[in-house]
Amino acid sequence: MKLQAPTQLFAYDQPGRRICRLCFGNPIKQRQVQRPGYVETIHDFLPTQLFGVVWWNRRSEGQQHRMLAVLEAVETAKIGTRMPDVSVKVLVHTMLQQDGPAGSDGPIDRFLLLLEQIRDSGSEPGKLPPVLFQIIGQQIQLAQRFNPGAGLPPHWSLN
């Protein structure tokens, strides 16, 4: 039986242009490769591992476009969705987009704040059930009231 190669995320920071960055997840391996003008970090994930990615593109006059996705590495490349900067198809549990200046309290800002709260509670986001990220993404997309200072609603257990 042939072992499948790990799912790889190719993260980078091209100053002033675009960024692809891992925002959570525990890769089994990572390494850096020097590219012209930037360093690329390659993160390897095994099937069923969850990881979060943020993409950022600079636009004119201080504006930016960001996209965030919670992804799951899969056993077979026959299922899933192709995503930028990911080596093979993956399952997408959440995808959010935001336009405007950084820190504008948009959907990605709220999601990243929630990730920080999850970590502060002692939980590792990559070990949480994927359905939690589906619910969080839907709540944010539906623009339901979200108070970052209040923490998670009682029915969103992290344990």
C-alpha atoms as a PDB file:
ATOM      1  CA  MET A   1       0.000   0.000   0.000  1.00  0.00           C
ATOM      2  CA  LYS A   2       1.442   3.333  -1.049  1.00  0.00           C
ATOM      3  CA  LEU A   3       1.533   6.049   1.593  1.00  0.00           C
ATOM      4  CA  GLN A   4       0.141   9.393   0.518  1.00  0.00           C
ATOM      5  CA  ALA A   5       2.447  12.384   0.793  1.00  0.00           C
ATOM      6  CA  PRO A   6       1.447  14.869   3.475  1.00  0.00           C
ATOM      7  CA  THR A   7      -0.744  17.834   2.619  1.00  0.00           C
ATOM      8  CA  GLN A   8       1.550  20.836   2.338  1.00  0.00           C
ATOM      9  CA  LEU A   9       0.825  24.502   2.991  1.00  0.00           C
ATOM     10  CA  PHE A  10       3.255  26.881   1.298  1.00  0.00           C
ATOM     11  CA  ALA A  11       3.267  29.949   3.563  1.00  0.00           C
ATOM     12  CA  TYR A  12       5.059  33.165   2.644  1.00  0.00           C
ATOM     13  CA  ASP A  13       5.298  36.877   3.327  1.00  0.00           C
ATOM     14  CA  GLN A  14       6.046  39.011   0.307  1.00  0.00           C
ATOM     15  CA  PRO A  15       6.443  42.401   2.020  1.00  0.00           C
ATOM     16  CA  GLY A  16       3.945  44.999   0.872  1.00  0.00           C
ATOM     17  CA  ARG A  17       2.274  42.624  -1.600  1.00  0.00           C
ATOM     18  CA  ARG A  18       0.761  39.449  -0.220  1.00  0.00           C
ATOM     19  CA  ILE A  19       0.934  37.024   2.665  1.00  0.00           C
ATOM     20  CA  CYS A  20      -0.105  33.413   3.240  1.00  0.00           C
ATOM     21  CA  ARG A  21       0.240  32.428   6.870  1.00  0.00           C
ATOM     22  CA  LEU A  22      -0.692  29.495   9.091  1.00  0.00           C
ATOM     23  CA  CYS A  23      -2.914  30.862  11.881  1.00  0.00           C
ATOM     24  CA  PHE A  24      -3.338  27.568  13.727  1.00  0.00           C
ATOM     25  CA  GLY A  25      -2.479  23.901  13.409  1.00  0.00           C
ATOM     26  CA  ASN A  26       0.322  21.549  14.407  1.00  0.00           C
ATOM     27  CA  PRO A  27       2.260  20.490  11.324  1.00  0.00           C
ATOM     28  CA  ILE A  28       4.197  17.232  11.584  1.00  0.00           C
ATOM     29  CA  LYS A  29       7.103  18.956   9.855  1.00  0.00           C
ATOM     30  CA  GLN A  30       8.040  22.396   8.629  1.00  0.00           C
ATOM     31  CA  ARG A  31      10.959  23.782   6.736  1.00  0.00           C
ATOM     32  CA  GLN A  32      11.985  27.056   5.140  1.00  0.00           C
ATOM     33  CA  VAL A  33      13.041  27.664   1.548  1.00  0.00           C
ATOM     34  CA  GLN A  34      14.664  30.894   0.381  1.00  0.00           C
ATOM     35  CA  ARG A  35      12.832  32.410  -2.595  1.00  0.00           C
ATOM     36  CA  PRO A  36      13.751  35.604  -4.474  1.00  0.00           C
ATOM     37  CA  GLY A  37      12.809  38.382  -2.037  1.00  0.00           C
ATOM     38  CA  TYR A  38      11.115  36.238   0.621  1.00  0.00           C
ATOM     39  CA  VAL A  39      11.247  33.010   2.607  1.00  0.00           C
ATOM     40  CA  GLU A  40       8.633  30.306   2.090  1.00  0.00           C
ATOM     41  CA  THR A  41       7.708  28.031   4.999  1.00  0.00           C
ATOM     42  CA  ILE A  42       6.379  24.611   4.026  1.00  0.00           C
ATOM     43  CA  HIS A  43       4.086  23.034   6.643  1.00  0.00           C
ATOM     44  CA  ASP A  44       3.232  19.298   6.344  1.00  0.00           C
ATOM     45  CA  PHE A  45      -0.070  17.889   7.663  1.00  0.00           C
ATOM     46  CA  LEU A  46      -1.353  14.314   7.940  1.00  0.00           C
ATOM     47  CA  PRO A  47      -4.910  13.264   7.033  1.00  0.00           C
ATOM     48  CA  THR A  48      -7.555  14.476   9.523  1.00  0.00           C
ATOM     49  CA  GLN A  49      -5.337  17.302  10.812  1.00  0.00           C
ATOM     50  CA  LEU A  50      -7.072  20.685  10.951  1.00  0.00           C
ATOM     51  CA  PHE A  51      -5.255  23.912  10.180  1.00  0.00           C
ATOM     52  CA  GLY A  52      -6.178  27.531   9.633  1.00  0.00           C
ATOM     53  CA  VAL A  53      -4.759  29.756   6.915  1.00  0.00           C
ATOM     54  CA  VAL A  54      -4.961  33.512   6.367  1.00  0.00           C
ATOM     55  CA  TRP A  55      -4.267  35.110   2.991  1.00  0.00           C
ATOM     56  CA  TRP A  56      -3.711  38.854   2.679  1.00  0.00           C
ATOM     57  CA  ASN A  57      -3.413  40.966  -0.466  1.00  0.00           C
ATOM     58  CA  ARG A  58      -2.553  44.627  -0.330  1.00  0.00           C
ATOM     59  CA  ARG A  59      -4.742  46.982  -2.308  1.00  0.00           C
ATOM     60  CA  SER A  60      -4.380  50.681  -3.026  1.00  0.00           C
ATOM     61  CA  GLU A  61      -4.798  53.470  -0.476  1.00  0.00           C
ATOM     62  CA  GLY A  62      -4.339  51.340   2.657  1.00  0.00           C
ATOM     63  CA  GLN A  63      -7.027  48.851   1.683  1.00  0.00           C
ATOM     64  CA  GLN A  64      -6.551  45.111   1.807  1.00  0.00           C
ATOM     65  CA  HIS A  65      -8.364  41.895   1.021  1.00  0.00           C
ATOM     66  CA  ARG A  66      -8.068  39.004   3.452  1.00  0.00           C
ATOM     67  CA  MET A  67      -9.360  35.475   3.308  1.00  0.00           C
ATOM     68  CA  LEU A  68      -9.317  32.910   6.125  1.00  0.00           C
ATOM     69  CA  ALA A  69     -10.057  29.203   5.837  1.00  0.00           C
ATOM     70  CA  VAL A  70     -10.170  26.299   8.264  1.00  0.00           C
ATOM     71  CA  LEU A  71      -8.970  23.264   6.329  1.00  0.00           C
ATOM     72  CA  GLU A  72      -8.653  19.547   6.956  1.00  0.00           C
ATOM     73  CA  ALA A  73      -6.069  17.327   5.295  1.00  0.00           C
ATOM     74  CA  VAL A  74      -7.708  14.298   3.686  1.00  0.00           C
ATOM     75  CA  GLU A  75      -6.645  10.725   3.045  1.00  0.00           C
ATOM     76  CA  THR A  76      -7.329  10.795  -0.671  1.00  0.00           C
ATOM     77  CA  ALA A  77      -6.889  13.588  -3.189  1.00  0.00           C
ATOM     78  CA  LYS A  78     -10.144  12.485  -4.852  1.00  0.00           C
ATOM     79  CA  ILE A  79     -12.284  14.474  -2.421  1.00  0.00           C
ATOM     80  CA  GLY A  80     -12.134  18.044  -1.256  1.00  0.00           C
ATOM     81  CA  THR A  81     -11.469  21.456  -2.739  1.00  0.00           C
ATOM     82  CA  ARG A  82      -8.333  22.973  -4.268  1.00  0.00           C
ATOM     83  CA  MET A  83      -7.142  25.939  -2.233  1.00  0.00           C
ATOM     84  CA  PRO A  84      -4.397  28.456  -2.986  1.00  0.00           C
ATOM     85  CA  ASP A  85      -0.948  27.558  -1.654  1.00  0.00           C
ATOM     86  CA  VAL A  86      -2.031  24.033  -0.584  1.00  0.00           C
ATOM     87  CA  SER A  87      -0.506  21.022  -2.364  1.00  0.00           C
ATOM     88  CA  VAL A  88      -3.644  18.873  -2.696  1.00  0.00           C
ATOM     89  CA  LYS A  89      -7.387  19.049  -2.230  1.00  0.00           C
ATOM     90  CA  VAL A  90      -8.613  19.582   1.340  1.00  0.00           C
ATOM     91  CA  LEU A  91     -11.932  19.742   3.167  1.00  0.00           C
ATOM     92  CA  VAL A  92     -12.995  23.340   3.809  1.00  0.00           C
ATOM     93  CA  HIS A  93     -14.842  23.792   7.108  1.00  0.00           C
ATOM     94  CA  THR A  94     -14.939  27.597   7.177  1.00  0.00           C
ATOM     95  CA  MET A  95     -14.084  30.336   4.736  1.00  0.00           C
ATOM     96  CA  LEU A  96     -14.341  34.049   5.509  1.00  0.00           C
ATOM     97  CA  GLN A  97     -13.424  37.132   3.485  1.00  0.00           C
ATOM     98  CA  GLN A  98     -12.839  40.718   4.524  1.00  0.00           C
ATOM     99  CA  ASP A  99     -12.112  43.914   2.612  1.00  0.00           C
ATOM    100  CA  GLY A 100     -10.961  47.212   4.093  1.00  0.00           C
ATOM    101  CA  PRO A 101      -8.262  48.397   6.463  1.00  0.00           C
ATOM    102  CA  ALA A 102      -6.708  46.039   9.013  1.00  0.00           C
ATOM    103  CA  GLY A 103      -8.345  46.048  12.422  1.00  0.00           C
ATOM    104  CA  SER A 104     -11.717  47.086  11.045  1.00  0.00           C
ATOM    105  CA  ASP A 105     -13.543  44.562  13.247  1.00  0.00           C
ATOM    106  CA  GLY A 106     -14.593  42.524  10.247  1.00  0.00           C
ATOM    107  CA  PRO A 107     -15.280  38.792  10.111  1.00  0.00           C
ATOM    108  CA  ILE A 108     -11.628  37.731  10.008  1.00  0.00           C
ATOM    109  CA  ASP A 109     -10.690  40.063  12.859  1.00  0.00           C
ATOM    110  CA  ARG A 110     -13.499  38.509  14.947  1.00  0.00           C
ATOM    111  CA  PHE A 111     -12.459  34.967  14.011  1.00  0.00           C
ATOM    112  CA  LEU A 112      -8.814  35.612  14.954  1.00  0.00           C
ATOM    113  CA  LEU A 113      -9.925  37.141  18.266  1.00  0.00           C
ATOM    114  CA  LEU A 114     -11.978  34.030  18.961  1.00  0.00           C
ATOM    115  CA  LEU A 115      -8.938  31.842  18.165  1.00  0.00           C
ATOM    116  CA  GLU A 116      -6.986  33.826  20.746  1.00  0.00           C
ATOM    117  CA  GLN A 117      -9.732  33.218  23.314  1.00  0.00           C
ATOM    118  CA  ILE A 118      -9.719  29.492  22.525  1.00  0.00           C
ATOM    119  CA  ARG A 119      -5.952  29.355  23.088  1.00  0.00           C
ATOM    120  CA  ASP A 120      -6.240  31.421  26.280  1.00  0.00           C
ATOM    121  CA  SER A 121      -8.752  28.865  27.593  1.00  0.00           C
ATOM    122  CA  GLY A 122      -6.069  26.171  27.260  1.00  0.00           C
ATOM    123  CA  SER A 123      -7.487  24.507  24.143  1.00  0.00           C
ATOM    124  CA  GLU A 124      -5.614  23.875  20.913  1.00  0.00           C
ATOM    125  CA  PRO A 125      -7.750  24.973  17.920  1.00  0.00           C
ATOM    126  CA  GLY A 126      -6.364  22.210  15.690  1.00  0.00           C
ATOM    127  CA  LYS A 127      -7.731  19.550  18.055  1.00  0.00           C
ATOM    128  CA  LEU A 128     -11.282  20.888  18.192  1.00  0.00           C
ATOM    129  CA  PRO A 129     -14.074  19.248  16.192  1.00  0.00           C
ATOM    130  CA  PRO A 130     -14.433  20.691  12.682  1.00  0.00           C
ATOM    131  CA  VAL A 131     -18.142  21.306  13.225  1.00  0.00           C
ATOM    132  CA  LEU A 132     -17.239  23.973  15.795  1.00  0.00           C
ATOM    133  CA  PHE A 133     -15.483  25.969  13.075  1.00  0.00           C
ATOM    134  CA  GLN A 134     -18.446  25.494  10.743  1.00  0.00           C
ATOM    135  CA  ILE A 135     -20.750  26.939  13.407  1.00  0.00           C
ATOM    136  CA  ILE A 136     -18.417  29.823  14.239  1.00  0.00           C
ATOM    137  CA  GLY A 137     -18.008  30.687  10.554  1.00  0.00           C
ATOM    138  CA  GLN A 138     -21.754  30.599   9.980  1.00  0.00           C
ATOM    139  CA  GLN A 139     -22.416  32.761  13.035  1.00  0.00           C
ATOM    140  CA  ILE A 140     -19.908  35.349  11.862  1.00  0.00           C
ATOM    141  CA  GLN A 141     -21.143  35.285   8.266  1.00  0.00           C
ATOM    142  CA  LEU A 142     -24.726  35.719   9.332  1.00  0.00           C
ATOM    143  CA  ALA A 143     -23.562  38.792  11.261  1.00  0.00           C
ATOM    144  CA  GLN A 144     -25.162  37.590  14.447  1.00  0.00           C
ATOM    145  CA  ARG A 145     -24.252  39.646  17.472  1.00  0.00           C
ATOM    146  CA  PHE A 146     -20.782  38.712  18.679  1.00  0.00           C
ATOM    147  CA  ASN A 147     -19.251  40.274  21.762  1.00  0.00           C
ATOM    148  CA  PRO A 148     -15.535  39.367  21.874  1.00  0.00           C
ATOM    149  CA  GLY A 149     -15.300  40.324  25.557  1.00  0.00           C
ATOM    150  CA  ALA A 150     -18.030  37.877  26.510  1.00  0.00           C
ATOM    151  CA  GLY A 151     -16.149  34.757  25.401  1.00  0.00           C
ATOM    152  CA  LEU A 152     -17.877  31.721  23.946  1.00  0.00           C
ATOM    153  CA  PRO A 153     -21.620  31.219  24.353  1.00  0.00           C
ATOM    154  CA  PRO A 154     -22.363  28.555  27.027  1.00  0.00           C
ATOM    155  CA  HIS A 155     -23.446  25.909  24.486  1.00  0.00           C
ATOM    156  CA  TRP A 156     -20.052  26.116  22.671  1.00  0.00           C
ATOM    157  CA  SER A 157     -18.057  23.764  24.853  1.00  0.00           C
ATOM    158  CA  LEU A 158     -14.333  23.506  24.191  1.00  0.00           C
ATOM    159  CA  ASN A 159     -13.976  20.262  26.112  1.00  0.00           C
END
